[in-house]
Protein backbone atom coordinates (compact mmCIF):
# COMPACT_ATOMS: atom_id res chain seq x y z
CA MET A 1 7.02 -22.92 -0.52
CA LEU A 2 7.25 -20.45 2.16
CA LYS A 3 10.50 -21.61 3.32
CA LYS A 4 11.79 -21.90 -0.21
CA ASP A 5 10.70 -17.97 -0.69
CA LEU A 6 12.66 -17.19 2.48
CA LYS A 7 15.79 -19.15 1.52
CA LEU A 8 15.83 -17.09 -1.62
CA LEU A 9 15.91 -14.04 0.13
CA SER A 10 19.43 -14.72 1.45
CA TRP A 11 22.47 -12.39 2.17
CA ASP A 12 23.70 -13.23 -1.40
CA PHE A 13 20.15 -12.37 -2.94
CA PHE A 14 20.38 -8.82 -1.50
CA ALA A 15 24.17 -8.59 -2.24
CA ARG A 16 23.45 -9.17 -5.98
CA LEU A 17 20.31 -6.81 -5.62
CA VAL A 18 22.87 -4.10 -4.61
CA ILE A 19 25.49 -4.85 -7.70
CA ILE A 20 22.81 -4.84 -10.02
CA CYS A 21 21.56 -1.34 -8.53
CA PHE A 22 24.97 -0.13 -8.81
CA ALA A 23 25.36 -1.14 -12.31
CA MET A 24 22.19 0.31 -13.34
CA MET A 25 22.87 3.59 -12.03
CA GLN A 26 26.32 3.45 -13.76
CA ALA A 27 24.40 2.90 -16.89
CA ILE A 28 21.98 5.89 -16.01
CA LYS A 29 25.11 8.30 -15.82
CA TRP A 30 26.37 7.46 -19.31
CA SER A 31 25.49 10.85 -20.79
CA ILE A 32 27.34 13.11 -18.25
CA LEU A 33 30.53 10.85 -18.31
CA PRO A 34 33.40 11.18 -18.07
CA GLN A 35 32.90 13.20 -14.81
CA TYR A 36 36.47 13.60 -13.69
CA MET A 37 39.81 14.94 -15.33
CA ASP A 38 42.22 12.35 -14.85
CA ILE A 39 41.05 10.03 -17.66
CA TYR A 40 42.11 12.99 -20.19
CA TYR A 41 45.54 12.50 -18.99
CA HIS A 42 45.49 8.62 -19.51
CA LEU A 43 43.75 8.91 -22.80
CA LEU A 44 46.60 11.44 -23.90
CA THR A 45 49.34 9.35 -22.73
CA ALA A 46 47.82 6.18 -24.37
CA TRP A 47 47.88 8.15 -27.76
CA GLY A 48 51.45 8.98 -26.83
CA PHE A 49 52.45 5.45 -26.49
CA ASN A 50 50.70 4.71 -29.97
CA GLN A 51 52.59 7.50 -31.51
CA ALA A 52 56.00 5.80 -29.98
CA GLY A 53 54.94 2.41 -30.98
CA GLY A 54 54.67 1.24 -27.30
CA TYR A 55 56.07 2.10 -23.82
CA VAL A 56 58.24 5.05 -23.10
CA THR A 57 59.68 6.88 -20.15
CA TRP A 58 59.87 10.18 -21.68
CA ASP A 59 56.33 12.34 -21.81
CA PHE A 60 56.86 14.08 -25.13
CA TRP A 61 53.06 14.79 -25.59
CA GLN A 62 52.97 17.04 -22.67
CA TYR A 63 54.56 20.20 -22.08
CA ALA A 64 55.83 19.63 -25.88
CA PRO A 65 58.32 20.18 -27.68
CA VAL A 66 60.57 20.05 -24.38
CA GLY A 67 58.72 17.27 -22.61
CA ARG A 68 59.20 15.46 -19.06
CA PRO A 69 60.15 12.30 -17.52
CA HIS A 70 57.19 9.88 -17.50
CA ILE A 71 57.12 7.56 -14.26
CA TYR A 72 53.40 6.63 -14.22
CA PRO A 73 53.02 2.81 -14.21
CA PRO A 74 52.08 1.88 -17.84
CA PHE A 75 49.43 -0.96 -17.62
CA PHE A 76 46.11 1.28 -17.81
CA HIS A 77 47.84 3.23 -20.76
CA LEU A 78 48.85 0.24 -22.60
CA LEU A 79 45.25 -1.12 -22.25
CA LEU A 80 43.84 2.23 -23.42
CA ALA A 81 46.23 2.38 -26.25
CA ASN A 82 45.45 -0.83 -27.80
CA LEU A 83 41.84 -0.13 -27.59
CA MET A 84 42.44 3.10 -29.39
CA LYS A 85 44.35 0.94 -32.11
CA ALA A 86 41.18 -1.04 -32.51
CA GLY A 87 39.14 2.09 -33.38
CA ILE A 88 37.44 3.10 -30.13
CA SER A 89 36.96 6.76 -29.82
CA PRO A 90 38.80 8.65 -26.63
CA VAL A 91 35.32 9.73 -25.53
CA ILE A 92 33.69 6.51 -25.87
CA LEU A 93 36.82 4.94 -23.90
CA ALA A 94 36.48 7.59 -21.25
CA LYS A 95 32.75 6.79 -20.82
CA LEU A 96 33.35 2.95 -20.58
CA CYS A 97 36.01 3.30 -18.52
CA GLU A 98 34.29 5.33 -15.95
CA SER A 99 31.11 3.05 -16.14
CA ILE A 100 32.63 -0.49 -16.24
CA ILE A 101 35.79 -0.34 -13.89
CA PRO A 102 33.75 0.51 -10.63
CA VAL A 103 31.19 -2.16 -11.38
CA ILE A 104 34.08 -4.77 -11.95
CA PHE A 105 35.56 -3.73 -8.49
CA LEU A 106 32.41 -4.07 -6.64
CA ILE A 107 31.68 -7.55 -8.18
CA LEU A 108 35.19 -8.86 -7.41
CA LEU A 109 35.11 -7.12 -3.92
CA TRP A 110 31.99 -9.18 -3.10
CA ARG A 111 33.31 -12.46 -4.69
CA PHE A 112 36.63 -11.85 -2.51
CA ALA A 113 34.61 -11.55 0.52
CA ARG A 114 32.13 -14.23 -0.07
CA ARG A 115 34.69 -16.80 -0.88
CA ASN A 116 37.04 -16.08 2.03
CA PHE A 117 34.74 -15.29 4.75
CA ASP A 118 30.93 -15.33 4.61
CA SER A 119 27.95 -14.27 2.84
CA LYS A 120 26.73 -11.67 5.71
CA LEU A 121 30.14 -9.88 5.90
CA SER A 122 30.42 -9.82 2.07
CA PHE A 123 27.03 -7.96 1.80
CA PHE A 124 27.83 -5.32 4.65
CA ILE A 125 30.91 -4.81 2.68
CA LEU A 126 28.97 -3.83 -0.33
CA ILE A 127 26.95 -1.68 1.85
CA MET A 128 29.71 0.31 3.44
CA THR A 129 31.42 0.77 -0.41
CA PHE A 130 27.85 2.01 -1.27
CA SER A 131 27.62 4.50 1.68
CA SER A 132 30.81 6.59 0.89
CA PHE A 133 30.07 9.14 -2.06
CA SER A 134 34.06 10.25 -1.58
CA PHE A 135 35.22 6.61 -2.17
CA TYR A 136 33.09 6.06 -4.82
CA SER A 137 34.12 9.12 -6.72
CA SER A 138 37.66 8.16 -6.23
CA LEU A 139 36.87 4.91 -8.20
CA LEU A 140 36.03 7.06 -11.31
CA ASN A 141 38.46 9.63 -10.97
CA HIS A 142 41.62 7.54 -10.06
CA LEU A 143 40.90 4.74 -12.57
CA PRO A 144 44.40 3.19 -12.31
CA GLY A 145 44.11 3.28 -8.63
CA ALA A 146 40.69 1.33 -9.06
CA LEU A 147 42.45 -1.18 -11.23
CA GLY A 148 45.13 -1.20 -8.68
CA LEU A 149 42.66 -1.96 -6.28
CA ILE A 150 41.16 -4.78 -8.24
CA PHE A 151 44.41 -6.52 -8.68
CA ALA A 152 44.96 -6.03 -4.77
CA ILE A 153 41.79 -7.87 -3.92
CA LEU A 154 42.75 -10.60 -6.42
CA ALA A 155 46.24 -10.87 -4.88
CA LEU A 156 44.92 -11.07 -1.54
CA ASP A 157 42.63 -13.90 -2.62
CA GLN A 158 45.39 -15.94 -3.90
CA LEU A 159 47.51 -15.29 -0.43
CA LEU A 160 44.65 -16.49 1.56
CA ARG A 161 44.07 -19.58 -0.75
CA ALA A 162 48.08 -20.03 -0.37
CA ARG A 163 48.70 -19.47 -4.20
CA LEU A 164 52.23 -17.79 -3.60
CA LEU A 165 53.27 -17.20 -7.16
CA GLN A 166 49.87 -16.08 -8.27
CA SER A 167 49.69 -13.64 -5.57
CA GLY A 168 53.24 -12.51 -6.54
CA LEU A 169 52.47 -11.90 -10.01
CA LEU A 170 49.48 -9.79 -9.20
CA LEU A 171 51.34 -7.79 -6.63
CA ALA A 172 54.01 -7.24 -9.35
CA LEU A 173 50.79 -6.26 -11.78
CA CYS A 174 49.93 -3.57 -9.10
CA PHE A 175 53.23 -2.05 -9.32
CA TYR A 176 52.87 -1.63 -13.03
CA THR A 177 49.28 0.14 -12.54
CA HIS A 178 49.54 2.41 -9.70
CA ILE A 179 52.40 3.72 -7.51
CA GLY A 180 50.34 4.24 -4.36
CA VAL A 181 48.29 1.09 -4.42
CA SER A 182 51.21 -1.41 -5.00
CA TRP A 183 52.85 -0.08 -2.05
CA PHE A 184 49.91 0.00 0.03
CA LEU A 185 49.25 -3.81 -0.90
CA ALA A 186 53.11 -4.70 -0.42
CA ILE A 187 53.18 -3.10 3.16
CA SER A 188 49.86 -4.51 4.02
CA ILE A 189 51.19 -8.37 2.81
CA ILE A 190 54.34 -7.58 5.14
CA PHE A 191 52.23 -6.73 8.15
CA TYR A 192 49.92 -9.64 7.60
CA GLY A 193 53.05 -11.93 7.69
CA LEU A 194 53.90 -10.30 11.03
CA LEU A 195 50.38 -10.48 12.51
CA ASP A 196 49.94 -14.16 11.43
CA SER A 197 52.65 -16.52 11.97
CA ASN A 198 50.92 -19.38 10.03
CA ARG A 199 51.25 -16.80 6.86
CA ARG A 200 54.64 -15.40 7.60
CA TYR A 201 56.97 -16.85 5.02
CA MET A 202 54.24 -16.95 2.39
CA SER A 203 53.45 -13.37 2.93
CA PHE A 204 57.26 -12.26 2.81
CA LEU A 205 57.86 -14.49 -0.25
CA THR A 206 54.86 -13.18 -1.97
CA VAL A 207 56.01 -9.43 -1.44
CA ILE A 208 59.79 -10.45 -2.56
CA CYS A 209 58.31 -11.91 -5.67
CA GLY A 210 56.34 -8.81 -6.39
CA VAL A 211 59.04 -6.70 -5.86
CA VAL A 212 61.63 -8.63 -8.19
CA LEU A 213 59.35 -8.84 -10.93
CA ALA A 214 58.48 -4.88 -10.54
CA LEU A 215 62.56 -3.96 -10.47
CA PRO A 216 61.89 -2.52 -14.17
CA ILE A 217 59.45 -0.01 -13.34
CA LEU A 218 60.98 0.54 -9.80
CA VAL A 219 64.27 1.55 -10.98
CA MET A 220 63.05 3.65 -13.51
CA GLN A 221 60.95 5.71 -11.03
CA LEU A 222 63.90 5.91 -8.47
CA ALA A 223 66.22 6.93 -11.29
CA ASN A 224 63.88 9.93 -12.16
CA PHE A 225 63.01 10.70 -8.31
CA ASN A 226 65.14 14.10 -8.77
CA ASN A 227 62.75 15.18 -11.48
CA ILE A 228 59.85 15.40 -8.97
CA GLY A 229 58.94 18.60 -7.95
CA ASN A 230 56.68 19.08 -4.92
CA LEU A 231 54.91 16.01 -5.26
CA GLY A 232 51.23 16.41 -4.44
CA PHE A 233 51.51 19.94 -2.82
CA GLU A 234 49.87 22.02 -5.80
CA ILE A 235 47.15 19.37 -5.74
CA ILE A 236 44.08 21.34 -4.42
CA GLU A 237 42.40 17.69 -3.36
CA ARG A 238 45.49 17.08 -1.16
CA TYR A 239 43.85 19.80 1.43
CA ARG A 240 40.57 18.21 1.10
CA SER A 241 39.09 15.37 3.14
CA GLN A 242 35.83 13.81 3.71
CA ILE A 243 35.87 11.60 6.81
CA LYS A 244 33.20 8.86 7.71
CA ILE A 245 33.50 9.16 11.29
CA ILE A 246 30.93 6.42 12.30
CA ASP A 247 32.74 4.05 9.87
CA TYR A 248 35.95 4.95 11.88
CA LEU A 249 34.44 4.16 15.19
CA LEU A 250 33.29 0.75 13.81
CA ALA A 251 36.45 0.13 12.59
CA GLY A 252 38.11 0.66 15.73
CA TYR A 253 35.60 -1.69 17.14
CA ALA A 254 36.40 -4.32 14.74
CA LEU A 255 40.47 -4.03 15.49
CA PHE A 256 39.78 -4.66 18.94
CA LEU A 257 37.50 -7.84 17.70
CA ILE A 258 40.18 -8.84 15.66
CA PHE A 259 43.15 -8.96 18.18
CA LYS A 260 40.88 -10.19 20.97
CA GLU A 261 39.53 -13.22 18.74
CA LYS A 262 42.61 -13.60 16.56
CA ARG A 263 40.58 -14.63 13.67
CA LYS A 264 41.84 -15.01 10.02
CA ASN A 265 40.37 -11.43 9.84
CA LEU A 266 44.03 -10.30 10.63
CA ILE A 267 44.02 -9.53 7.00
CA PHE A 268 41.80 -6.64 7.68
CA ALA A 269 43.99 -5.30 10.29
CA ALA A 270 46.99 -5.55 8.17
CA LEU A 271 45.40 -3.73 5.42
CA PHE A 272 44.64 -0.79 7.90
CA PHE A 273 48.21 -0.82 9.03
CA GLY A 274 49.35 -0.85 5.48
CA SER A 275 46.74 2.03 4.38
CA LEU A 276 48.63 4.54 6.81
CA ILE A 277 51.24 4.92 3.95
CA PHE A 278 48.36 7.38 2.50
CA LEU A 279 48.76 9.51 5.29
CA LEU A 280 51.30 11.49 3.37
CA TYR A 281 48.35 12.54 1.22
CA PRO A 282 45.28 12.80 3.52
CA TYR A 283 42.80 12.67 0.93
CA ARG A 284 43.99 9.43 -0.52
CA PHE A 285 43.78 8.10 3.17
CA PHE A 286 40.49 9.29 4.27
CA SER A 287 38.51 9.33 1.11
CA ALA A 288 40.11 7.26 -1.63
CA GLU A 289 42.19 4.04 -1.78
CA GLY A 290 43.10 4.08 1.90
CA TYR A 291 39.45 3.92 2.87
CA LEU A 292 39.29 0.37 1.67
CA PRO A 293 40.12 -1.20 5.05
CA ILE A 294 37.65 0.89 6.94
CA ILE A 295 35.15 -0.84 4.65
CA PHE A 296 36.13 -3.92 5.52
CA LEU A 297 36.54 -3.23 9.21
CA SER A 298 33.40 -1.30 9.62
CA ALA A 299 31.57 -4.11 7.79
CA LEU A 300 33.01 -6.66 9.88
CA SER A 301 31.84 -4.51 13.18
CA LEU A 302 28.09 -4.53 11.71
CA SER A 303 28.18 -8.09 10.91
CA ALA A 304 29.60 -8.98 14.47
CA LEU A 305 26.74 -6.63 15.99
CA LEU A 306 24.07 -8.01 14.15
CA GLU A 307 24.98 -11.53 14.85
CA ARG A 308 24.29 -10.90 18.54
CA LEU A 309 20.89 -9.97 17.68
CA LYS A 310 20.06 -12.95 15.17
CA ASP A 311 17.77 -14.47 17.86
CA LYS A 312 15.78 -11.53 18.74
CA LYS A 313 12.66 -10.54 17.43
CA TYR A 314 13.68 -7.27 16.01
CA PHE A 315 16.57 -8.53 14.19
CA LYS A 316 15.18 -7.73 10.86
CA PHE A 317 14.00 -4.16 11.80
CA ALA A 318 17.71 -3.45 13.19
CA ALA A 319 19.17 -4.99 9.93
CA ILE A 320 17.00 -2.66 7.86
CA CYS A 321 17.49 0.28 9.80
CA THR A 322 21.35 -0.39 9.48
CA VAL A 323 21.52 -0.63 6.04
CA SER A 324 19.21 2.30 5.47
CA PHE A 325 21.30 4.52 7.89
CA PHE A 326 24.48 4.05 5.62
CA LEU A 327 22.67 4.16 2.33
CA PHE A 328 20.84 7.32 2.99
CA ILE A 329 21.80 9.40 6.19
CA SER A 330 25.76 8.41 5.84
CA PRO A 331 27.30 11.69 7.86
CA THR A 332 30.48 12.85 6.64
CA ILE A 333 32.92 15.36 8.25
CA TYR A 334 34.26 17.64 5.42
CA LEU A 335 37.81 19.45 6.09
CA ASP A 336 38.99 21.92 3.42
CA LYS A 337 41.91 23.98 3.76
CA PRO A 338 42.00 26.68 1.23
CA LEU A 339 45.39 27.20 -0.42
CA VAL A 340 45.19 30.83 0.59
CA SER A 341 44.55 30.40 4.09
CA ASP A 342 46.11 28.66 7.07
CA LYS A 343 42.96 27.84 8.76
CA THR A 344 41.11 24.32 8.11
CA GLU A 345 37.34 24.76 7.60
CA CYS A 346 35.22 21.64 9.04
CA LYS A 347 31.41 21.05 8.57
CA ILE A 348 29.31 17.82 8.76
CA ARG A 349 27.28 16.80 5.78
CA PHE A 350 24.60 14.31 5.96
CA PHE A 351 22.93 12.15 3.13
CA ASP A 352 26.55 11.51 1.67
CA SER A 353 26.38 8.28 0.23
CA ALA A 354 27.32 7.06 -2.90
CA PHE A 355 23.84 5.67 -3.34
CA LEU A 356 22.39 9.05 -3.08
CA GLY A 357 25.04 10.57 -5.02
CA MET A 358 24.52 8.43 -8.01
CA LEU A 359 20.88 8.79 -7.80
CA LEU A 360 21.14 12.62 -7.89
CA GLN A 361 23.98 12.45 -10.19
CA ARG A 362 26.19 14.42 -8.11
CA GLY A 363 29.99 14.88 -8.68
CA GLU A 364 32.23 17.21 -10.71
CA ARG A 365 30.79 17.95 -14.53
CA ILE A 366 33.58 18.76 -16.82
CA TRP A 367 32.37 17.00 -19.85
CA TYR A 368 30.70 19.65 -22.27
CA PRO A 369 30.28 17.99 -25.65
CA ARG A 370 28.85 20.86 -27.30
CA GLU A 371 32.10 23.05 -26.56
CA TYR A 372 34.65 20.37 -26.72
CA LEU A 373 33.75 18.55 -29.77
CA PRO A 374 33.67 21.41 -32.18
CA LEU A 375 36.71 22.62 -30.83
CA ALA A 376 38.37 19.45 -31.30
CA GLY A 377 37.22 19.33 -34.80
CA PHE A 378 38.67 22.89 -35.41
CA ILE A 379 42.01 21.61 -34.45
CA ARG A 380 42.00 18.42 -36.19
CA ASN A 381 41.07 20.59 -39.62
CA ASN A 382 43.76 23.13 -38.80
CA SER A 383 46.65 21.00 -37.57
CA THR A 384 48.70 17.70 -38.25
CA SER A 385 49.02 14.85 -35.73
CA LYS A 386 52.70 16.32 -34.91
CA GLU A 387 51.68 20.08 -34.35
CA ILE A 388 51.02 21.43 -30.87
CA VAL A 389 48.12 22.67 -29.16
CA TYR A 390 48.33 25.23 -26.47
CA SER A 391 45.43 26.46 -24.05
CA THR A 392 45.51 29.34 -21.46
CA SER A 393 43.98 26.69 -19.17
CA ASN A 394 46.16 23.69 -18.56
CA LEU A 395 42.90 21.30 -18.01
CA VAL A 396 41.17 22.41 -21.31
CA GLY A 397 44.30 22.03 -23.32
CA VAL A 398 44.88 18.35 -22.07
CA ILE A 399 41.34 17.55 -22.56
CA ILE A 400 40.97 18.92 -26.23
CA ALA A 401 44.51 17.45 -27.22
CA ALA A 402 43.27 14.01 -25.95
CA ILE A 403 40.04 14.26 -27.91
CA ALA A 404 41.62 15.70 -30.94
CA GLN A 405 44.78 13.54 -30.53
CA ARG A 406 47.18 15.96 -30.62
CA PRO A 407 50.40 16.87 -28.49
CA THR A 408 49.81 19.55 -26.21
CA ALA A 409 52.23 22.38 -24.50
CA ASN A 410 49.87 22.12 -21.32
CA ALA A 411 50.16 19.40 -18.79
CA LEU A 412 48.46 17.83 -15.86
CA PHE A 413 50.15 16.45 -12.72
CA GLN A 414 52.52 19.43 -12.78
CA GLU A 415 54.83 18.31 -10.16
CA ILE A 416 56.64 16.30 -12.70
CA LYS A 417 59.24 19.09 -13.97
CA THR A 418 60.44 19.90 -17.41
CA PRO A 419 64.28 20.02 -18.04
CA SER A 420 63.91 23.58 -19.39
CA ASP A 421 61.53 26.46 -19.68
CA PHE A 422 60.14 27.08 -23.20
CA ASN A 423 57.35 29.75 -24.27
CA PRO A 424 54.14 27.68 -25.22
CA PHE A 425 53.17 30.57 -27.74
CA LEU A 426 56.19 30.01 -29.77
CA SER A 427 55.75 26.17 -29.70
CA SER A 428 52.17 25.69 -30.57
CA LYS A 429 50.60 25.78 -34.02
CA ILE A 430 47.00 26.17 -32.27
CA ILE A 431 46.31 28.53 -29.34
CA ILE A 432 43.02 28.20 -27.25
CA PHE A 433 41.90 31.15 -25.35
CA SER A 434 38.69 31.15 -22.91
CA ILE A 435 36.25 33.85 -22.75
CA LEU A 436 37.29 34.17 -19.30
CA ASP A 437 40.70 35.59 -20.62
CA LYS A 438 41.11 39.30 -20.41
CA GLU A 439 40.95 41.11 -23.76
CA ALA A 440 44.08 42.81 -23.16
CA VAL A 441 45.87 39.69 -22.87
CA VAL A 442 44.42 37.88 -25.75
CA GLY A 443 45.24 41.27 -27.89
CA SER A 444 48.70 41.25 -26.51
CA ALA A 445 49.43 37.57 -27.59
CA VAL A 446 47.71 38.19 -31.00
CA LYS A 447 49.91 41.25 -31.79
CA THR A 448 53.35 39.79 -30.37
CA TYR A 449 53.02 36.33 -32.03
CA GLY A 450 51.00 37.42 -34.96
CA LEU A 451 48.21 34.88 -34.24
CA LYS A 452 45.35 34.50 -36.73
CA LYS A 453 41.72 33.45 -35.51
CA ILE A 454 40.29 30.52 -37.17
CA GLY A 455 37.04 29.97 -35.12
CA GLU A 456 34.98 30.63 -32.14
CA THR A 457 32.41 28.68 -29.93
CA SER A 458 30.44 30.12 -27.08
CA ALA A 459 33.41 29.60 -24.53
CA PHE A 460 36.67 29.59 -26.56
CA ARG A 461 38.28 31.26 -29.03
CA ILE A 462 40.67 29.42 -31.55
CA TYR A 463 43.77 31.02 -33.03
CA ILE A 464 46.38 29.62 -35.58
CA ASN A 465 50.11 30.67 -35.21
CA PRO A 466 51.41 30.71 -38.63
CA TYR A 467 54.83 31.28 -37.96
CA CYS A 468 55.38 28.30 -36.14
CA THR A 469 57.20 25.14 -37.62
CA LYS A 470 57.82 23.23 -34.45
CA SER A 471 56.02 19.86 -33.71
CA TYR A 472 56.71 17.38 -30.65
CA ASN A 473 59.74 15.50 -30.28
CA LYS A 474 58.99 11.80 -30.60
CA ILE A 475 60.73 9.24 -28.69
CA ASN A 476 60.88 5.66 -30.05
CA ALA A 477 59.55 3.07 -27.41
CA CYS A 478 61.93 1.35 -25.35
CA VAL A 479 59.54 -1.63 -25.03
CA PRO A 480 57.68 -1.88 -28.48
CA PHE A 481 54.13 -3.45 -28.47
CA TRP A 482 55.23 -6.95 -29.84
CA ALA A 483 57.45 -7.26 -26.82
CA ILE A 484 54.55 -6.09 -24.34
CA SER A 485 52.57 -8.71 -25.96
CA ALA A 486 55.13 -11.39 -25.43
CA LEU A 487 55.24 -10.46 -21.70
CA ILE A 488 51.63 -10.43 -21.14
CA LEU A 489 51.41 -14.14 -22.71
CA MET A 490 54.23 -15.17 -20.51
CA PHE A 491 52.31 -13.71 -17.63
CA ILE A 492 49.12 -15.69 -18.66
CA LEU A 493 51.24 -18.97 -19.03
CA ILE A 494 52.72 -18.51 -15.62
CA PHE A 495 49.72 -17.68 -13.79
CA PHE A 496 47.20 -20.43 -14.99
CA ILE A 497 49.88 -23.25 -15.84
CA LEU A 498 52.83 -23.33 -14.11
CA GLN A 499 51.55 -22.01 -10.77
CA LYS A 500 49.48 -24.92 -10.11
CA VAL A 501 52.64 -27.17 -9.77
CA MET A 502 54.96 -24.49 -8.16
CA SER A 503 52.64 -23.40 -5.68
CA ASN A 504 51.56 -26.41 -4.21
CA LYS A 505 55.31 -27.52 -3.67
CA LEU A 506 56.31 -24.10 -2.12
CA CYS A 507 53.18 -24.34 0.28
CA LYS A 508 54.08 -27.75 1.42
CA PHE A 509 57.62 -26.66 1.91
CA PHE A 510 56.95 -23.53 4.18
């Protein structure tokens, strides 16, 4: 009986316990979700797709009525658009996405490592994922990036199992989900082919397959490249990074082991080399999607180091101390370069794990239902779905537009330029001022544009422009929903039926 109990307390048992704890803490956070701002951009884009009747390459729902090119990959927005059409409210959708997508990512990450490597390594991969609060925050904030990482993990799983076409299809799906993650995955697979001669042709053909299938979105993005301003340079996050220095030291040791022993863990080295693409945006490299290879590599080091102690009396004590260190102490070097300064500030923060961050409900807080919901109600009651909303704060304008489901003269991700300038006060039916706006500024706008006050909350004042007759310039979909449904059905058929035959023949040939 004792042996049976000990067998139950396996690496897989503790891995499942970690996943259950993660899921429970996500559920506890429900009331404060959504915590991050990007989801409102995605919700508003999904609403725009529904207005257009499918996928469009012109963003007419932001910077309305002028609009701007829309180059963001569409998969996540199409998913949200269909859920909206099913009757799910934007607020519930935002909460569901930030709750569920990180849990799915963690489960598939564990499943991938357990299937292709071993239970001990997969357990430590979960621990290292749970040890970084910045990486966890990125999963919530960059939801298309998190989905892209999910597809990347699935693609790598198929590649390691020598399923060429399935891996290529999933790579293509990455390109339709997130720009950065897709190129990270493609470059990583190329490096994998360079490092492992046995998988060279398979890797290169996977990338060719994925890129060819992604050509429609890639060509569109390239055609609009000139419309991109200083990409990322206005984003404050770009100047902030959280570096897990001990994790990087462990990752360096893992790279040494990989090239010394030439195991199948070469895929981890390939992922690290592929992640160097994120160096153009240091936050993404150190704190977000680019941290995934460090998770794999540092977990590999911990697994190898503890393997050497497995016959020692203090093995369990060492394992418990290791897990406790990364779940609790987890030191981080914070680098912050203020936009108004040339100097980079540096400080060390302890107790910076995702586990403690979730437990203490750390992170941004931009969801204020007592303010936003009444404000959205005012807008819905005093405007039509085609009339434009504007706020003196871009973030507030997009948040309220997403909840009220209205076009806005504001925009997030402002590095994508408009083709011409416009006056948002003249173009907008509803104007939202914050209590932080100076009275002289508000008074001047009210007098100049003939605005009339229609409501007020503790944080905002809402005005209507009775002389505004403009509305958004709707663009019809270039790919309607019925065609998208047909493409999805074709993807499923190829993935689950044709692949079984074609993959085996290609594998034998190469």
